[in-house]
Amino acid sequence: MDVFSIIGPVMIGPSSSHTAGAVKIGNAAASLLGEEPASADILFVGSFAKTYKGHGTDKAVIAGILGMKPSDSRIKTSMNLAKEKGIKIAFRQGELPGAHPNTMVITLAGKRGKKVSVQGASIGGGNIVINRINSYPVNVAGQNTTLLVFHRDVPGMISDVTRLLAIRDVNINHFSLSRNRRGGAAVMAIEIDGEMDDDIAQEINRAHNILSAVVLRLN
């Protein structure tokens, strides 16, 4: 057991699950949107739905969407900051069968027209798992730098991407693939050891049959 597991994250707020984890899920959604948000629709599930106001989960997730980290003192004013930026915010409560009790679904629309939906769970100690991105089931823990590659499901895509990572001396410690149908669209979730230069994602973005490539850094 490491020190983090004992004392938890450096954070603002009463609960690592309901605040620090919520910030990180918001960070993930904002990173995947990749542009300034115009609106945010947040569905809270389970215990999040019951306690999000009292534990500041609403402020925390908006702070994450604005790019703040769990230790940022501005978290408590995030709602006002979002309003100043003209971001429309809606909070809803609901249920998702089989979902972790601390689950939320964030749907963001950007000012340039891009949209993204992210389902994530806060599993304790500020740790999270991203379970779904748009229509794709994924399993991204956020403990390591993670490269998400959205692409057309054609032969050779995995080898093309992993070959590039090998050339750039990037070591993969976990790989998963999800697709909506054969020959349709798919997403690779590639967790790596250490760090990775952003220009690698930019190079992947220029490749044939790539829809987008995004690097998530949540810790």
Protein backbone atom coordinates (compact mmCIF):
# COMPACT_ATOMS: atom_id res chain seq x y z
CA MET A 1 0.00 0.00 0.00
CA ASP A 2 1.40 3.42 -0.94
CA VAL A 3 1.02 6.72 0.91
CA PHE A 4 -1.70 7.89 -1.48
CA SER A 5 -3.83 4.88 -0.58
CA ILE A 6 -3.59 5.80 3.09
CA ILE A 7 -4.08 9.58 3.15
CA GLY A 8 -5.87 10.16 -0.16
CA PRO A 9 -5.36 12.95 -2.68
CA VAL A 10 -4.52 16.61 -2.08
CA MET A 11 -7.94 18.13 -2.64
CA ILE A 12 -10.56 20.74 -1.82
CA GLY A 13 -13.85 19.44 -0.43
CA PRO A 14 -15.31 17.01 2.11
CA SER A 15 -15.07 13.75 0.16
CA SER A 16 -12.46 12.29 -2.14
CA SER A 17 -15.13 10.24 -3.91
CA HIS A 18 -17.65 13.04 -4.29
CA THR A 19 -15.28 15.91 -5.01
CA ALA A 20 -11.78 14.85 -6.13
CA GLY A 21 -13.15 11.99 -8.24
CA ALA A 22 -15.82 14.25 -9.73
CA VAL A 23 -13.18 16.81 -10.71
CA LYS A 24 -11.22 14.12 -12.55
CA ILE A 25 -14.26 12.86 -14.45
CA GLY A 26 -14.93 16.46 -15.47
CA ASN A 27 -11.28 16.77 -16.56
CA ALA A 28 -11.67 13.68 -18.74
CA ALA A 29 -14.82 14.98 -20.43
CA ALA A 30 -13.23 18.37 -21.13
CA SER A 31 -10.09 16.75 -22.57
CA LEU A 32 -12.17 14.59 -24.89
CA LEU A 33 -14.25 17.57 -26.02
CA GLY A 34 -11.09 19.42 -26.94
CA GLU A 35 -12.68 22.84 -27.25
CA GLU A 36 -14.31 25.48 -25.06
CA PRO A 37 -17.62 24.11 -23.74
CA ALA A 38 -20.90 25.88 -24.49
CA SER A 39 -23.13 23.59 -22.43
CA ALA A 40 -22.86 20.79 -19.89
CA ASP A 41 -25.56 18.27 -19.02
CA ILE A 42 -24.70 16.12 -16.00
CA LEU A 43 -26.67 13.05 -14.98
CA PHE A 44 -25.98 11.92 -11.40
CA VAL A 45 -26.63 8.27 -10.50
CA GLY A 46 -26.87 6.40 -7.19
CA SER A 47 -25.32 8.14 -4.20
CA PHE A 48 -24.20 11.00 -6.40
CA ALA A 49 -27.86 11.68 -7.18
CA LYS A 50 -28.76 11.74 -3.48
CA THR A 51 -25.91 13.81 -2.08
CA TYR A 52 -24.32 15.83 -4.87
CA LYS A 53 -25.39 19.23 -3.52
CA GLY A 54 -24.34 18.58 0.08
CA HIS A 55 -20.95 17.16 -0.91
CA GLY A 56 -20.21 19.78 -3.56
CA THR A 57 -20.13 17.25 -6.39
CA ASP A 58 -21.91 19.71 -8.68
CA LYS A 59 -19.23 22.35 -8.10
CA ALA A 60 -16.48 19.74 -8.43
CA VAL A 61 -17.55 18.35 -11.79
CA ILE A 62 -17.97 21.84 -13.24
CA ALA A 63 -14.51 22.72 -11.91
CA GLY A 64 -13.12 19.69 -13.73
CA ILE A 65 -14.85 20.73 -16.94
CA LEU A 66 -13.22 24.16 -16.55
CA GLY A 67 -9.81 22.48 -16.28
CA MET A 68 -9.22 22.77 -12.55
CA LYS A 69 -7.48 20.09 -10.49
CA PRO A 70 -8.76 18.58 -7.19
CA SER A 71 -6.54 20.91 -5.11
CA ASP A 72 -7.71 24.13 -6.83
CA SER A 73 -9.14 26.64 -4.33
CA ARG A 74 -11.49 27.98 -7.03
CA ILE A 75 -13.61 24.82 -6.99
CA LYS A 76 -16.13 26.39 -4.62
CA THR A 77 -16.72 29.23 -7.13
CA SER A 78 -16.79 27.07 -10.25
CA MET A 79 -20.50 27.56 -10.90
CA ASN A 80 -20.06 31.33 -11.01
CA LEU A 81 -16.98 31.00 -13.20
CA ALA A 82 -18.89 28.80 -15.65
CA LYS A 83 -21.74 31.33 -15.73
CA GLU A 84 -19.26 34.11 -16.52
CA LYS A 85 -18.03 32.04 -19.46
CA GLY A 86 -21.60 31.64 -20.72
CA ILE A 87 -21.71 27.86 -20.19
CA LYS A 88 -25.24 26.50 -19.85
CA ILE A 89 -25.43 23.89 -17.09
CA ALA A 90 -28.11 21.30 -16.33
CA PHE A 91 -28.05 18.72 -13.52
CA ARG A 92 -30.30 15.67 -13.58
CA GLN A 93 -30.82 12.63 -11.35
CA GLY A 94 -31.47 9.13 -12.63
CA GLU A 95 -30.54 5.46 -12.60
CA LEU A 96 -28.29 3.28 -14.73
CA PRO A 97 -28.76 -0.47 -14.17
CA GLY A 98 -25.56 -2.10 -12.95
CA ALA A 99 -23.67 1.19 -12.57
CA HIS A 100 -21.33 1.93 -9.68
CA PRO A 101 -23.13 3.97 -6.95
CA ASN A 102 -20.90 7.01 -7.61
CA THR A 103 -21.55 7.36 -11.32
CA MET A 104 -22.17 10.36 -13.54
CA VAL A 105 -22.72 10.91 -17.24
CA ILE A 106 -21.40 14.20 -18.62
CA THR A 107 -22.61 15.39 -22.01
CA LEU A 108 -20.70 18.40 -23.32
CA ALA A 109 -21.30 20.54 -26.39
CA GLY A 110 -18.51 22.83 -27.56
CA LYS A 111 -18.65 26.32 -28.95
CA ARG A 112 -17.36 25.04 -32.29
CA GLY A 113 -20.01 22.34 -32.49
CA LYS A 114 -18.26 19.25 -31.14
CA LYS A 115 -20.11 16.98 -28.69
CA VAL A 116 -18.99 14.23 -26.32
CA SER A 117 -20.64 12.02 -23.70
CA VAL A 118 -18.58 10.47 -20.90
CA GLN A 119 -19.74 8.03 -18.22
CA GLY A 120 -17.44 7.75 -15.23
CA ALA A 121 -17.44 6.37 -11.71
CA SER A 122 -15.61 7.68 -8.64
CA ILE A 123 -14.42 4.54 -6.86
CA GLY A 124 -12.80 6.00 -3.73
CA GLY A 125 -9.69 7.89 -2.71
CA GLY A 126 -10.02 10.23 -5.67
CA ASN A 127 -9.66 7.32 -8.11
CA ILE A 128 -11.99 7.04 -11.10
CA VAL A 129 -12.92 4.71 -13.92
CA ILE A 130 -14.23 5.95 -17.26
CA ASN A 131 -16.79 3.32 -18.36
CA ARG A 132 -18.14 4.74 -21.60
CA ILE A 133 -17.23 7.38 -24.17
CA ASN A 134 -20.10 8.23 -26.51
CA SER A 135 -21.41 4.82 -27.57
CA TYR A 136 -18.20 2.93 -26.77
CA PRO A 137 -17.72 0.88 -23.58
CA VAL A 138 -14.20 1.46 -22.23
CA ASN A 139 -12.27 0.78 -19.03
CA VAL A 140 -9.92 3.69 -18.39
CA ALA A 141 -8.72 4.08 -14.81
CA GLY A 142 -6.80 7.30 -15.30
CA GLN A 143 -3.88 6.15 -13.12
CA ASN A 144 -1.58 6.23 -16.15
CA THR A 145 -1.28 8.51 -19.14
CA THR A 146 -3.81 7.11 -21.61
CA LEU A 147 -3.97 7.52 -25.37
CA LEU A 148 -7.50 7.24 -26.79
CA VAL A 149 -7.61 6.65 -30.54
CA PHE A 150 -10.95 6.86 -32.33
CA HIS A 151 -10.74 5.28 -35.76
CA ARG A 152 -12.51 3.40 -38.52
CA ASP A 153 -12.58 -0.34 -37.97
CA VAL A 154 -10.37 -1.46 -40.85
CA PRO A 155 -7.52 -4.00 -40.92
CA GLY A 156 -4.11 -2.83 -39.77
CA MET A 157 -5.17 0.03 -37.49
CA ILE A 158 -3.84 -1.54 -34.28
CA SER A 159 -0.48 -2.38 -35.82
CA ASP A 160 -0.18 1.11 -37.37
CA VAL A 161 -0.74 2.86 -34.05
CA THR A 162 1.33 0.51 -31.88
CA ARG A 163 4.19 0.55 -34.42
CA LEU A 164 4.32 4.34 -34.16
CA LEU A 165 4.40 4.14 -30.36
CA ALA A 166 7.23 1.59 -30.51
CA ILE A 167 9.24 3.82 -32.86
CA ARG A 168 8.81 6.70 -30.39
CA ASP A 169 9.92 4.44 -27.51
CA VAL A 170 6.52 4.45 -25.78
CA ASN A 171 5.84 1.34 -23.70
CA ILE A 172 2.25 0.04 -23.48
CA ASN A 173 1.12 -1.43 -20.16
CA HIS A 174 -2.56 -1.96 -21.02
CA PHE A 175 -4.51 -2.04 -24.27
CA SER A 176 -8.22 -2.44 -25.01
CA LEU A 177 -10.38 -2.02 -28.09
CA SER A 178 -14.10 -1.35 -28.44
CA ARG A 179 -16.15 -0.99 -31.62
CA ASN A 180 -19.81 -0.35 -32.36
CA ARG A 181 -19.89 -2.88 -35.22
CA ARG A 182 -17.55 -4.64 -37.62
CA GLY A 183 -16.34 -2.18 -40.20
CA GLY A 184 -17.82 0.77 -38.29
CA ALA A 185 -16.07 2.99 -35.76
CA ALA A 186 -13.84 1.87 -32.91
CA VAL A 187 -11.73 3.22 -30.06
CA MET A 188 -8.38 2.04 -28.72
CA ALA A 189 -7.60 2.81 -25.07
CA ILE A 190 -3.83 2.57 -24.61
CA GLU A 191 -2.34 3.10 -21.15
CA ILE A 192 1.40 3.71 -21.19
CA ASP A 193 4.33 3.71 -18.79
CA GLY A 194 5.65 7.16 -18.04
CA GLU A 195 4.84 10.14 -20.24
CA MET A 196 4.24 10.75 -23.92
CA ASP A 197 4.82 13.81 -26.10
CA ASP A 198 1.66 15.47 -27.39
CA ASP A 199 3.06 15.52 -30.91
CA ILE A 200 2.63 11.74 -31.03
CA ALA A 201 -1.14 12.18 -30.78
CA GLN A 202 -0.92 14.90 -33.43
CA GLU A 203 0.96 12.53 -35.73
CA ILE A 204 -1.64 9.80 -35.18
CA ASN A 205 -4.39 12.32 -35.96
CA ARG A 206 -2.88 12.85 -39.40
CA ALA A 207 -2.94 9.13 -40.24
CA HIS A 208 -5.45 7.57 -42.63
CA ASN A 209 -8.70 6.25 -41.08
CA ILE A 210 -8.07 8.06 -37.77
CA LEU A 211 -11.05 10.05 -36.48
CA SER A 212 -9.27 11.60 -33.49
CA ALA A 213 -6.55 10.87 -30.95
CA VAL A 214 -6.54 12.37 -27.46
CA VAL A 215 -4.13 12.02 -24.53
CA LEU A 216 -5.69 11.85 -21.05
CA ARG A 217 -3.59 12.86 -18.05
CA LEU A 218 -5.77 12.67 -14.95
CA ASN A 219 -3.10 12.30 -12.23
